[in-house]
Amino acid sequence: MTLARTIRTAVADLLPEHTGVEEDIPAPKLLVTLDMPGKVADFLRSADLEPAERAALDEGATVRRGQGYTLRVTAIPAAHRQLLDRCQPLDGGQGVPAVPAQRKARREYENRVSTLAPIGP
């Protein structure tokens, strides 16, 4: 018997009311890792982001790609969707000129985000 199993058994014997599955605990949120084009990451770094979104960008791993880079971002799917929404100006409109490379980078990230499970009801 392993030490961890011995401890769990001892705790179960001493505190039977604290064993079993807690039904009030929410399920852990699934983290997803997606590659974000560097042009999108650069735009988002200069944007006004929520603390969770900023943390996801800051914790991302930079992967060099030829002349540019990709930021490997790990976050819950909802955070990826929020980041995608925030980089909408890269498509142009709203008085902002569209730069083809930025528009393409945003579309690439959008394609990656669209592969995630759809949002529930």
C-alpha atoms as a PDB file:
ATOM      1  CA  MET A   1       0.000   0.000   0.000  1.00  0.00           C
ATOM      2  CA  THR A   2       1.395   3.400  -0.950  1.00  0.00           C
ATOM      3  CA  LEU A   3       1.823   6.196   1.563  1.00  0.00           C
ATOM      4  CA  ALA A   4      -0.807   8.365  -0.134  1.00  0.00           C
ATOM      5  CA  ARG A   5      -3.341   5.529  -0.039  1.00  0.00           C
ATOM      6  CA  THR A   6      -2.551   4.878   3.630  1.00  0.00           C
ATOM      7  CA  ILE A   7      -3.129   8.547   4.446  1.00  0.00           C
ATOM      8  CA  ARG A   8      -6.423   8.629   2.513  1.00  0.00           C
ATOM      9  CA  THR A   9      -7.607   5.524   4.367  1.00  0.00           C
ATOM     10  CA  ALA A  10      -6.648   7.026   7.741  1.00  0.00           C
ATOM     11  CA  VAL A  11      -8.438  10.290   6.944  1.00  0.00           C
ATOM     12  CA  ALA A  12     -11.528   8.379   5.798  1.00  0.00           C
ATOM     13  CA  ASP A  13     -11.556   6.453   9.080  1.00  0.00           C
ATOM     14  CA  LEU A  14     -11.133   9.606  11.191  1.00  0.00           C
ATOM     15  CA  LEU A  15     -13.372  11.971   9.210  1.00  0.00           C
ATOM     16  CA  PRO A  16     -16.047   9.933   7.422  1.00  0.00           C
ATOM     17  CA  GLU A  17     -18.213  13.017   6.822  1.00  0.00           C
ATOM     18  CA  HIS A  18     -15.456  14.545   4.634  1.00  0.00           C
ATOM     19  CA  THR A  19     -15.038  11.631   2.277  1.00  0.00           C
ATOM     20  CA  GLY A  20     -16.871  11.004  -0.952  1.00  0.00           C
ATOM     21  CA  VAL A  21     -17.601  13.230  -3.891  1.00  0.00           C
ATOM     22  CA  GLU A  22     -18.566  16.836  -3.264  1.00  0.00           C
ATOM     23  CA  GLU A  23     -21.486  17.673  -5.550  1.00  0.00           C
ATOM     24  CA  ASP A  24     -21.222  21.447  -5.058  1.00  0.00           C
ATOM     25  CA  ILE A  25     -17.733  21.658  -6.557  1.00  0.00           C
ATOM     26  CA  PRO A  26     -17.835  22.919 -10.159  1.00  0.00           C
ATOM     27  CA  ALA A  27     -16.141  20.836 -12.812  1.00  0.00           C
ATOM     28  CA  PRO A  28     -12.659  22.061 -13.716  1.00  0.00           C
ATOM     29  CA  LYS A  29     -12.505  24.179 -16.839  1.00  0.00           C
ATOM     30  CA  LEU A  30     -10.744  22.563 -19.750  1.00  0.00           C
ATOM     31  CA  LEU A  31      -7.636  24.434 -20.856  1.00  0.00           C
ATOM     32  CA  VAL A  32      -6.892  24.553 -24.573  1.00  0.00           C
ATOM     33  CA  THR A  33      -3.582  25.466 -26.196  1.00  0.00           C
ATOM     34  CA  LEU A  34      -3.772  27.311 -29.511  1.00  0.00           C
ATOM     35  CA  ASP A  35      -1.105  28.994 -31.618  1.00  0.00           C
ATOM     36  CA  MET A  36      -1.818  32.699 -32.038  1.00  0.00           C
ATOM     37  CA  PRO A  37      -0.077  34.466 -34.937  1.00  0.00           C
ATOM     38  CA  GLY A  38       2.427  37.072 -33.769  1.00  0.00           C
ATOM     39  CA  LYS A  39       0.618  39.917 -35.540  1.00  0.00           C
ATOM     40  CA  VAL A  40      -2.517  39.121 -33.516  1.00  0.00           C
ATOM     41  CA  ALA A  41      -0.511  38.828 -30.290  1.00  0.00           C
ATOM     42  CA  ASP A  42       1.211  42.177 -30.939  1.00  0.00           C
ATOM     43  CA  PHE A  43      -2.150  43.858 -31.517  1.00  0.00           C
ATOM     44  CA  LEU A  44      -3.666  42.337 -28.375  1.00  0.00           C
ATOM     45  CA  ARG A  45      -0.687  43.312 -26.207  1.00  0.00           C
ATOM     46  CA  SER A  46      -1.425  46.952 -26.971  1.00  0.00           C
ATOM     47  CA  ALA A  47      -5.186  46.516 -26.359  1.00  0.00           C
ATOM     48  CA  ASP A  48      -7.092  47.061 -23.127  1.00  0.00           C
ATOM     49  CA  LEU A  49      -7.580  43.481 -21.872  1.00  0.00           C
ATOM     50  CA  GLU A  50      -9.162  41.876 -18.844  1.00  0.00           C
ATOM     51  CA  PRO A  51      -6.671  40.547 -16.246  1.00  0.00           C
ATOM     52  CA  ALA A  52      -7.320  36.898 -17.213  1.00  0.00           C
ATOM     53  CA  GLU A  53      -6.787  37.674 -20.905  1.00  0.00           C
ATOM     54  CA  ARG A  54      -3.603  39.616 -20.143  1.00  0.00           C
ATOM     55  CA  ALA A  55      -2.319  36.728 -18.008  1.00  0.00           C
ATOM     56  CA  ALA A  56      -2.985  34.219 -20.810  1.00  0.00           C
ATOM     57  CA  LEU A  57      -0.956  36.359 -23.232  1.00  0.00           C
ATOM     58  CA  ASP A  58       1.855  36.956 -20.731  1.00  0.00           C
ATOM     59  CA  GLU A  59       2.149  33.233 -19.988  1.00  0.00           C
ATOM     60  CA  GLY A  60       2.173  32.265 -23.673  1.00  0.00           C
ATOM     61  CA  ALA A  61       5.264  30.622 -25.120  1.00  0.00           C
ATOM     62  CA  THR A  62       6.892  32.304 -28.106  1.00  0.00           C
ATOM     63  CA  VAL A  63       7.708  30.008 -31.014  1.00  0.00           C
ATOM     64  CA  ARG A  64       9.864  31.467 -33.787  1.00  0.00           C
ATOM     65  CA  ARG A  65       8.472  31.038 -37.318  1.00  0.00           C
ATOM     66  CA  GLY A  66      10.779  32.309 -40.064  1.00  0.00           C
ATOM     67  CA  GLN A  67      10.675  36.105 -39.882  1.00  0.00           C
ATOM     68  CA  GLY A  68       7.775  36.201 -37.422  1.00  0.00           C
ATOM     69  CA  TYR A  69       6.607  34.230 -34.454  1.00  0.00           C
ATOM     70  CA  THR A  70       3.649  32.386 -33.003  1.00  0.00           C
ATOM     71  CA  LEU A  71       2.461  32.715 -29.426  1.00  0.00           C
ATOM     72  CA  ARG A  72       1.306  29.421 -27.923  1.00  0.00           C
ATOM     73  CA  VAL A  73      -1.536  30.469 -25.599  1.00  0.00           C
ATOM     74  CA  THR A  74      -3.153  28.143 -23.059  1.00  0.00           C
ATOM     75  CA  ALA A  75      -6.565  29.263 -21.807  1.00  0.00           C
ATOM     76  CA  ILE A  76     -10.160  28.149 -21.509  1.00  0.00           C
ATOM     77  CA  PRO A  77     -12.113  28.233 -24.802  1.00  0.00           C
ATOM     78  CA  ALA A  78     -14.129  31.260 -23.665  1.00  0.00           C
ATOM     79  CA  ALA A  79     -10.916  33.259 -23.194  1.00  0.00           C
ATOM     80  CA  HIS A  80      -9.764  32.364 -26.715  1.00  0.00           C
ATOM     81  CA  ARG A  81     -13.125  33.563 -28.057  1.00  0.00           C
ATOM     82  CA  GLN A  82     -12.830  36.820 -26.098  1.00  0.00           C
ATOM     83  CA  LEU A  83      -9.323  37.404 -27.433  1.00  0.00           C
ATOM     84  CA  LEU A  84     -10.605  36.748 -30.958  1.00  0.00           C
ATOM     85  CA  ASP A  85     -13.413  39.268 -30.441  1.00  0.00           C
ATOM     86  CA  ARG A  86     -10.926  41.871 -29.223  1.00  0.00           C
ATOM     87  CA  CYS A  87      -8.820  41.610 -32.384  1.00  0.00           C
ATOM     88  CA  GLN A  88     -11.819  42.286 -34.655  1.00  0.00           C
ATOM     89  CA  PRO A  89     -10.384  45.692 -35.732  1.00  0.00           C
ATOM     90  CA  LEU A  90      -7.647  43.835 -37.648  1.00  0.00           C
ATOM     91  CA  ASP A  91     -10.289  43.057 -40.292  1.00  0.00           C
ATOM     92  CA  GLY A  92     -10.643  46.773 -41.012  1.00  0.00           C
ATOM     93  CA  GLY A  93     -13.741  48.900 -40.755  1.00  0.00           C
ATOM     94  CA  GLN A  94     -14.628  51.345 -37.989  1.00  0.00           C
ATOM     95  CA  GLY A  95     -12.306  53.882 -39.621  1.00  0.00           C
ATOM     96  CA  VAL A  96      -9.273  51.613 -39.262  1.00  0.00           C
ATOM     97  CA  PRO A  97      -7.497  50.620 -42.470  1.00  0.00           C
ATOM     98  CA  ALA A  98      -7.080  46.890 -42.976  1.00  0.00           C
ATOM     99  CA  VAL A  99      -3.554  45.552 -43.377  1.00  0.00           C
ATOM    100  CA  PRO A 100      -3.697  42.330 -45.430  1.00  0.00           C
ATOM    101  CA  ALA A 101      -1.111  40.488 -43.294  1.00  0.00           C
ATOM    102  CA  GLN A 102      -2.957  41.360 -40.079  1.00  0.00           C
ATOM    103  CA  ARG A 103      -6.299  40.389 -41.578  1.00  0.00           C
ATOM    104  CA  LYS A 104      -4.842  37.029 -42.641  1.00  0.00           C
ATOM    105  CA  ALA A 105      -3.320  36.467 -39.193  1.00  0.00           C
ATOM    106  CA  ARG A 106      -6.687  37.166 -37.556  1.00  0.00           C
ATOM    107  CA  ARG A 107      -8.424  34.720 -39.914  1.00  0.00           C
ATOM    108  CA  GLU A 108      -5.851  32.033 -39.057  1.00  0.00           C
ATOM    109  CA  TYR A 109      -6.514  32.506 -35.346  1.00  0.00           C
ATOM    110  CA  GLU A 110     -10.261  32.546 -36.006  1.00  0.00           C
ATOM    111  CA  ASN A 111      -9.963  29.201 -37.824  1.00  0.00           C
ATOM    112  CA  ARG A 112      -8.127  27.707 -34.847  1.00  0.00           C
ATOM    113  CA  VAL A 113     -10.655  29.061 -32.341  1.00  0.00           C
ATOM    114  CA  SER A 114     -13.563  27.792 -34.471  1.00  0.00           C
ATOM    115  CA  THR A 115     -12.302  24.203 -34.017  1.00  0.00           C
ATOM    116  CA  LEU A 116     -13.078  24.428 -30.291  1.00  0.00           C
ATOM    117  CA  ALA A 117     -16.303  22.936 -28.935  1.00  0.00           C
ATOM    118  CA  PRO A 118     -19.293  25.230 -29.400  1.00  0.00           C
ATOM    119  CA  ILE A 119     -20.564  27.299 -26.507  1.00  0.00           C
ATOM    120  CA  GLY A 120     -23.313  25.578 -24.525  1.00  0.00           C
ATOM    121  CA  PRO A 121     -26.851  26.932 -23.986  1.00  0.00           C
END
